Amino acid sequence: MPDTLRLFHPVWDAADPADLTWAEASTARGNFRTWAKITSHVYAALHRSPRAVDRTLLERACTRLRPYT
């Protein structure tokens, strides 16, 4: 999944593969539309406050998409 995401959008270039795997398992679950939403939330957060894409940022983005059972 990390390699595919890096092809999809450059925001994922520096993300830790373990963090991307976590987001895949906990939220996206193979749904590329969900990844597009996560990407949008991460990109917007980075636009407001530039920083590294890390687990905390991914958790915030994923939380915006829940509940997910």
PDB file of N, CA and C in Angstrom:
ATOM      1  N   MET A   1       0.813  -1.193   0.000  1.00  0.00           N
ATOM      2  CA  MET A   1       0.000   0.000   0.000  1.00  0.00           C
ATOM      3  C   MET A   1       0.866   1.272   0.000  1.00  0.00           C
ATOM      4  N   PRO A   2       1.912   1.364   0.799  1.00  0.00           N
ATOM      5  CA  PRO A   2       2.700   2.607   0.795  1.00  0.00           C
ATOM      6  C   PRO A   2       3.216   3.000  -0.587  1.00  0.00           C
ATOM      7  N   ASP A   3       3.676   2.041  -1.372  1.00  0.00           N
ATOM      8  CA  ASP A   3       4.198   2.373  -2.703  1.00  0.00           C
ATOM      9  C   ASP A   3       3.095   2.915  -3.615  1.00  0.00           C
ATOM     10  N   THR A   4       1.922   2.330  -3.522  1.00  0.00           N
ATOM     11  CA  THR A   4       0.790   2.795  -4.327  1.00  0.00           C
ATOM     12  C   THR A   4       0.397   4.206  -3.932  1.00  0.00           C
ATOM     13  N   LEU A   5       0.372   4.479  -2.641  1.00  0.00           N
ATOM     14  CA  LEU A   5      -0.006   5.813  -2.175  1.00  0.00           C
ATOM     15  C   LEU A   5       0.992   6.871  -2.626  1.00  0.00           C
ATOM     16  N   ARG A   6       2.246   6.517  -2.658  1.00  0.00           N
ATOM     17  CA  ARG A   6       3.263   7.480  -3.104  1.00  0.00           C
ATOM     18  C   ARG A   6       3.087   7.827  -4.583  1.00  0.00           C
ATOM     19  N   LEU A   7       2.564   6.891  -5.349  1.00  0.00           N
ATOM     20  CA  LEU A   7       2.257   7.170  -6.752  1.00  0.00           C
ATOM     21  C   LEU A   7       1.000   8.024  -6.876  1.00  0.00           C
ATOM     22  N   PHE A   8       0.084   7.870  -5.939  1.00  0.00           N
ATOM     23  CA  PHE A   8      -1.183   8.589  -5.951  1.00  0.00           C
ATOM     24  C   PHE A   8      -1.008  10.069  -5.619  1.00  0.00           C
ATOM     25  N   HIS A   9      -0.208  10.370  -4.576  1.00  0.00           N
ATOM     26  CA  HIS A   9      -0.057  11.770  -4.163  1.00  0.00           C
ATOM     27  C   HIS A   9       1.281  11.954  -3.452  1.00  0.00           C
ATOM     28  N   PRO A  10       2.003  13.028  -3.755  1.00  0.00           N
ATOM     29  CA  PRO A  10       3.315  13.252  -3.149  1.00  0.00           C
ATOM     30  C   PRO A  10       3.279  13.522  -1.645  1.00  0.00           C
ATOM     31  N   VAL A  11       2.100  13.808  -1.077  1.00  0.00           N
ATOM     32  CA  VAL A  11       2.033  14.036   0.365  1.00  0.00           C
ATOM     33  C   VAL A  11       2.502  12.794   1.132  1.00  0.00           C
ATOM     34  N   TRP A  12       2.424  11.635   0.498  1.00  0.00           N
ATOM     35  CA  TRP A  12       2.805  10.387   1.166  1.00  0.00           C
ATOM     36  C   TRP A  12       4.276  10.027   0.989  1.00  0.00           C
ATOM     37  N   ASP A  13       5.032  10.814   0.231  1.00  0.00           N
ATOM     38  CA  ASP A  13       6.432  10.481  -0.054  1.00  0.00           C
ATOM     39  C   ASP A  13       7.284  10.268   1.194  1.00  0.00           C
ATOM     40  N   ALA A  14       7.125  11.105   2.189  1.00  0.00           N
ATOM     41  CA  ALA A  14       7.977  11.015   3.373  1.00  0.00           C
ATOM     42  C   ALA A  14       7.302  10.303   4.541  1.00  0.00           C
ATOM     43  N   ALA A  15       6.092   9.817   4.329  1.00  0.00           N
ATOM     44  CA  ALA A  15       5.372   9.144   5.423  1.00  0.00           C
ATOM     45  C   ALA A  15       6.014   7.795   5.731  1.00  0.00           C
ATOM     46  N   ASP A  16       6.002   7.453   7.004  1.00  0.00           N
ATOM     47  CA  ASP A  16       6.527   6.168   7.457  1.00  0.00           C
ATOM     48  C   ASP A  16       5.600   5.054   6.958  1.00  0.00           C
ATOM     49  N   PRO A  17       6.151   4.037   6.294  1.00  0.00           N
ATOM     50  CA  PRO A  17       5.315   2.937   5.807  1.00  0.00           C
ATOM     51  C   PRO A  17       4.493   2.275   6.919  1.00  0.00           C
ATOM     52  N   ALA A  18       5.034   2.208   8.110  1.00  0.00           N
ATOM     53  CA  ALA A  18       4.293   1.608   9.235  1.00  0.00           C
ATOM     54  C   ALA A  18       3.053   2.432   9.564  1.00  0.00           C
ATOM     55  N   ASP A  19       3.151   3.754   9.466  1.00  0.00           N
ATOM     56  CA  ASP A  19       1.993   4.614   9.724  1.00  0.00           C
ATOM     57  C   ASP A  19       0.935   4.439   8.640  1.00  0.00           C
ATOM     58  N   LEU A  20       1.369   4.302   7.403  1.00  0.00           N
ATOM     59  CA  LEU A  20       0.420   4.085   6.307  1.00  0.00           C
ATOM     60  C   LEU A  20      -0.258   2.720   6.436  1.00  0.00           C
ATOM     61  N   THR A  21       0.493   1.729   6.846  1.00  0.00           N
ATOM     62  CA  THR A  21      -0.071   0.399   7.065  1.00  0.00           C
ATOM     63  C   THR A  21      -1.094   0.440   8.190  1.00  0.00           C
ATOM     64  N   TRP A  22      -0.803   1.200   9.243  1.00  0.00           N
ATOM     65  CA  TRP A  22      -1.752   1.367  10.346  1.00  0.00           C
ATOM     66  C   TRP A  22      -3.051   1.991   9.839  1.00  0.00           C
ATOM     67  N   ALA A  23      -2.956   3.071   9.059  1.00  0.00           N
ATOM     68  CA  ALA A  23      -4.149   3.743   8.547  1.00  0.00           C
ATOM     69  C   ALA A  23      -4.937   2.817   7.624  1.00  0.00           C
ATOM     70  N   GLU A  24      -4.250   2.016   6.849  1.00  0.00           N
ATOM     71  CA  GLU A  24      -4.915   1.052   5.976  1.00  0.00           C
ATOM     72  C   GLU A  24      -5.703   0.037   6.800  1.00  0.00           C
ATOM     73  N   ALA A  25      -5.071  -0.512   7.828  1.00  0.00           N
ATOM     74  CA  ALA A  25      -5.720  -1.541   8.642  1.00  0.00           C
ATOM     75  C   ALA A  25      -6.838  -0.985   9.518  1.00  0.00           C
ATOM     76  N   SER A  26      -6.666   0.221  10.018  1.00  0.00           N
ATOM     77  CA  SER A  26      -7.636   0.756  10.967  1.00  0.00           C
ATOM     78  C   SER A  26      -8.779   1.524  10.321  1.00  0.00           C
ATOM     79  N   THR A  27      -8.560   2.094   9.147  1.00  0.00           N
ATOM     80  CA  THR A  27      -9.579   2.977   8.572  1.00  0.00           C
ATOM     81  C   THR A  27      -9.882   2.674   7.110  1.00  0.00           C
ATOM     82  N   ALA A  28      -8.892   2.663   6.253  1.00  0.00           N
ATOM     83  CA  ALA A  28      -9.149   2.565   4.810  1.00  0.00           C
ATOM     84  C   ALA A  28      -9.643   1.184   4.390  1.00  0.00           C
ATOM     85  N   ARG A  29      -9.019   0.155   4.913  1.00  0.00           N
ATOM     86  CA  ARG A  29      -9.432  -1.234   4.658  1.00  0.00           C
ATOM     87  C   ARG A  29      -9.611  -1.551   3.173  1.00  0.00           C
ATOM     88  N   GLY A  30      -8.624  -1.119   2.390  1.00  0.00           N
ATOM     89  CA  GLY A  30      -8.629  -1.443   0.970  1.00  0.00           C
ATOM     90  C   GLY A  30      -9.515  -0.564   0.106  1.00  0.00           C
ATOM     91  N   ASN A  31     -10.107   0.441   0.682  1.00  0.00           N
ATOM     92  CA  ASN A  31     -11.015   1.310  -0.055  1.00  0.00           C
ATOM     93  C   ASN A  31     -10.252   2.552  -0.515  1.00  0.00           C
ATOM     94  N   PHE A  32     -10.021   2.648  -1.822  1.00  0.00           N
ATOM     95  CA  PHE A  32      -9.219   3.765  -2.323  1.00  0.00           C
ATOM     96  C   PHE A  32      -9.938   5.102  -2.178  1.00  0.00           C
ATOM     97  N   ARG A  33     -11.253   5.088  -2.213  1.00  0.00           N
ATOM     98  CA  ARG A  33     -12.010   6.327  -1.984  1.00  0.00           C
ATOM     99  C   ARG A  33     -11.748   6.856  -0.570  1.00  0.00           C
ATOM    100  N   THR A  34     -11.632   5.942   0.391  1.00  0.00           N
ATOM    101  CA  THR A  34     -11.307   6.357   1.756  1.00  0.00           C
ATOM    102  C   THR A  34      -9.910   6.959   1.802  1.00  0.00           C
ATOM    103  N   TRP A  35      -8.973   6.375   1.055  1.00  0.00           N
ATOM    104  CA  TRP A  35      -7.625   6.948   1.002  1.00  0.00           C
ATOM    105  C   TRP A  35      -7.648   8.349   0.388  1.00  0.00           C
ATOM    106  N   ALA A  36      -8.500   8.554  -0.584  1.00  0.00           N
ATOM    107  CA  ALA A  36      -8.614   9.892  -1.174  1.00  0.00           C
ATOM    108  C   ALA A  36      -9.095  10.889  -0.121  1.00  0.00           C
ATOM    109  N   LYS A  37     -10.034  10.480   0.721  1.00  0.00           N
ATOM    110  CA  LYS A  37     -10.524  11.355   1.791  1.00  0.00           C
ATOM    111  C   LYS A  37      -9.437  11.619   2.833  1.00  0.00           C
ATOM    112  N   ILE A  38      -8.712  10.569   3.211  1.00  0.00           N
ATOM    113  CA  ILE A  38      -7.613  10.738   4.168  1.00  0.00           C
ATOM    114  C   ILE A  38      -6.580  11.694   3.585  1.00  0.00           C
ATOM    115  N   THR A  39      -6.238  11.506   2.314  1.00  0.00           N
ATOM    116  CA  THR A  39      -5.271  12.372   1.643  1.00  0.00           C
ATOM    117  C   THR A  39      -5.733  13.821   1.683  1.00  0.00           C
ATOM    118  N   SER A  40      -7.004  14.039   1.415  1.00  0.00           N
ATOM    119  CA  SER A  40      -7.550  15.392   1.435  1.00  0.00           C
ATOM    120  C   SER A  40      -7.425  16.029   2.821  1.00  0.00           C
ATOM    121  N   HIS A  41      -7.753  15.278   3.853  1.00  0.00           N
ATOM    122  CA  HIS A  41      -7.653  15.807   5.219  1.00  0.00           C
ATOM    123  C   HIS A  41      -6.201  16.084   5.612  1.00  0.00           C
ATOM    124  N   VAL A  42      -5.302  15.185   5.240  1.00  0.00           N
ATOM    125  CA  VAL A  42      -3.886  15.381   5.547  1.00  0.00           C
ATOM    126  C   VAL A  42      -3.347  16.588   4.792  1.00  0.00           C
ATOM    127  N   TYR A  43      -3.684  16.686   3.519  1.00  0.00           N
ATOM    128  CA  TYR A  43      -3.211  17.802   2.705  1.00  0.00           C
ATOM    129  C   TYR A  43      -3.704  19.132   3.262  1.00  0.00           C
ATOM    130  N   ALA A  44      -4.965  19.194   3.666  1.00  0.00           N
ATOM    131  CA  ALA A  44      -5.513  20.427   4.246  1.00  0.00           C
ATOM    132  C   ALA A  44      -4.804  20.778   5.552  1.00  0.00           C
ATOM    133  N   ALA A  45      -4.541  19.791   6.377  1.00  0.00           N
ATOM    134  CA  ALA A  45      -3.836  20.041   7.647  1.00  0.00           C
ATOM    135  C   ALA A  45      -2.427  20.549   7.389  1.00  0.00           C
ATOM    136  N   LEU A  46      -1.762  19.982   6.408  1.00  0.00           N
ATOM    137  CA  LEU A  46      -0.406  20.428   6.079  1.00  0.00           C
ATOM    138  C   LEU A  46      -0.408  21.840   5.501  1.00  0.00           C
ATOM    139  N   HIS A  47      -1.451  22.185   4.798  1.00  0.00           N
ATOM    140  CA  HIS A  47      -1.565  23.536   4.245  1.00  0.00           C
ATOM    141  C   HIS A  47      -1.710  24.564   5.378  1.00  0.00           C
ATOM    142  N   ARG A  48      -2.473  24.198   6.412  1.00  0.00           N
ATOM    143  CA  ARG A  48      -2.665  25.099   7.556  1.00  0.00           C
ATOM    144  C   ARG A  48      -1.416  25.187   8.416  1.00  0.00           C
ATOM    145  N   SER A  49      -0.728  24.065   8.569  1.00  0.00           N
ATOM    146  CA  SER A  49       0.437  24.018   9.450  1.00  0.00           C
ATOM    147  C   SER A  49       1.443  23.007   8.898  1.00  0.00           C
ATOM    148  N   PRO A  50       2.397  23.469   8.082  1.00  0.00           N
ATOM    149  CA  PRO A  50       3.370  22.547   7.486  1.00  0.00           C
ATOM    150  C   PRO A  50       4.149  21.777   8.546  1.00  0.00           C
ATOM    151  N   ARG A  51       4.261  20.481   8.345  1.00  0.00           N
ATOM    152  CA  ARG A  51       4.987  19.596   9.249  1.00  0.00           C
ATOM    153  C   ARG A  51       5.171  18.266   8.558  1.00  0.00           C
ATOM    154  N   ALA A  52       5.769  17.343   9.228  1.00  0.00           N
ATOM    155  CA  ALA A  52       5.947  16.011   8.663  1.00  0.00           C
ATOM    156  C   ALA A  52       4.654  15.217   8.807  1.00  0.00           C
ATOM    157  N   VAL A  53       4.405  14.348   7.857  1.00  0.00           N
ATOM    158  CA  VAL A  53       3.268  13.438   7.972  1.00  0.00           C
ATOM    159  C   VAL A  53       3.680  12.339   8.949  1.00  0.00           C
ATOM    160  N   ASP A  54       3.008  12.297  10.082  1.00  0.00           N
ATOM    161  CA  ASP A  54       3.338  11.307  11.103  1.00  0.00           C
ATOM    162  C   ASP A  54       2.059  10.629  11.588  1.00  0.00           C
ATOM    163  N   ARG A  55       2.212   9.734  12.541  1.00  0.00           N
ATOM    164  CA  ARG A  55       1.064   8.971  13.042  1.00  0.00           C
ATOM    165  C   ARG A  55      -0.001   9.885  13.628  1.00  0.00           C
ATOM    166  N   THR A  56       0.406  10.925  14.345  1.00  0.00           N
ATOM    167  CA  THR A  56      -0.557  11.846  14.956  1.00  0.00           C
ATOM    168  C   THR A  56      -1.417  12.515  13.885  1.00  0.00           C
ATOM    169  N   LEU A  57      -0.797  12.977  12.831  1.00  0.00           N
ATOM    170  CA  LEU A  57      -1.534  13.622  11.748  1.00  0.00           C
ATOM    171  C   LEU A  57      -2.474  12.623  11.065  1.00  0.00           C
ATOM    172  N   LEU A  58      -1.988  11.413  10.828  1.00  0.00           N
ATOM    173  CA  LEU A  58      -2.827  10.388  10.228  1.00  0.00           C
ATOM    174  C   LEU A  58      -4.002  10.020  11.129  1.00  0.00           C
ATOM    175  N   GLU A  59      -3.759   9.926  12.430  1.00  0.00           N
ATOM    176  CA  GLU A  59      -4.847   9.613  13.357  1.00  0.00           C
ATOM    177  C   GLU A  59      -5.924  10.684  13.315  1.00  0.00           C
ATOM    178  N   ARG A  60      -5.529  11.937  13.271  1.00  0.00           N
ATOM    179  CA  ARG A  60      -6.507  13.027  13.185  1.00  0.00           C
ATOM    180  C   ARG A  60      -7.321  12.937  11.899  1.00  0.00           C
ATOM    181  N   ALA A  61      -6.643  12.675  10.800  1.00  0.00           N
ATOM    182  CA  ALA A  61      -7.341  12.570   9.510  1.00  0.00           C
ATOM    183  C   ALA A  61      -8.303  11.387   9.517  1.00  0.00           C
ATOM    184  N   CYS A  62      -7.875  10.279  10.049  1.00  0.00           N
ATOM    185  CA  CYS A  62      -8.713   9.084  10.091  1.00  0.00           C
ATOM    186  C   CYS A  62      -9.902   9.276  11.023  1.00  0.00           C
ATOM    187  N   THR A  63      -9.705   9.982  12.107  1.00  0.00           N
ATOM    188  CA  THR A  63     -10.778  10.227  13.048  1.00  0.00           C
ATOM    189  C   THR A  63     -11.925  10.991  12.387  1.00  0.00           C
ATOM    190  N   ARG A  64     -11.604  11.828  11.453  1.00  0.00           N
ATOM    191  CA  ARG A  64     -12.638  12.599  10.751  1.00  0.00           C
ATOM    192  C   ARG A  64     -13.555  11.701   9.911  1.00  0.00           C
ATOM    193  N   LEU A  65     -13.122  10.476   9.634  1.00  0.00           N
ATOM    194  CA  LEU A  65     -13.898   9.558   8.809  1.00  0.00           C
ATOM    195  C   LEU A  65     -14.692   8.544   9.619  1.00  0.00           C
ATOM    196  N   ARG A  66     -14.514   8.527  10.907  1.00  0.00           N
ATOM    197  CA  ARG A  66     -15.176   7.525  11.744  1.00  0.00           C
ATOM    198  C   ARG A  66     -16.562   7.980  12.122  1.00  0.00           C
ATOM    199  N   PRO A  67     -17.468   7.195  12.604  1.00  0.00           N
ATOM    200  CA  PRO A  67     -17.209   5.833  13.097  1.00  0.00           C
ATOM    201  C   PRO A  67     -17.092   4.824  11.968  1.00  0.00           C
ATOM    202  N   TYR A  68     -16.285   3.853  12.193  1.00  0.00           N
ATOM    203  CA  TYR A  68     -16.031   2.775  11.243  1.00  0.00           C
ATOM    204  C   TYR A  68     -15.928   1.484  12.034  1.00  0.00           C
ATOM    205  N   THR A  69     -16.863   0.620  11.888  1.00  0.00           N
ATOM    206  CA  THR A  69     -16.845  -0.626  12.662  1.00  0.00           C
ATOM    207  C   THR A  69     -16.496  -1.808  11.809  1.00  0.00           C
TER     208      THR A  69
END
